Amino acid sequence: MRPDRVAGWIHMDEVWQEAETQGYSYRRMASGALHDAAKVARIAPTAMIFVPCRDGISHNVRGYTSSEQLAAGTNVLLHELLNLAGY
């Protein structure tokens, strides 16, 4: 899967641009994991926004993501949805 294009018409460039517009640092990457999004992408536009986990540990009870990082990811998602809705 190319990291710049996911499922038809959603361009990750738009999501990355939104992160930049909001003043957040970001890394362009593709997930190699088989998330549910990979299945959904076959029938609907799909994108994923990752936020950093302390020490890179995720999907584990030892994983931790700060409230600030969670808020940043949520803010990018909110504004991208508003953009897609034409607001």
Foldseek 3Di string as FASTA:
>chain_A
DDLQDFQPPDGCVLLVVLLVVVPHDDDRDDDPDDDVQVVVSVPDGDDDDDFAWVVNDDPDPPTDDDPVRVVSSVSSVVVSVCVVVPD
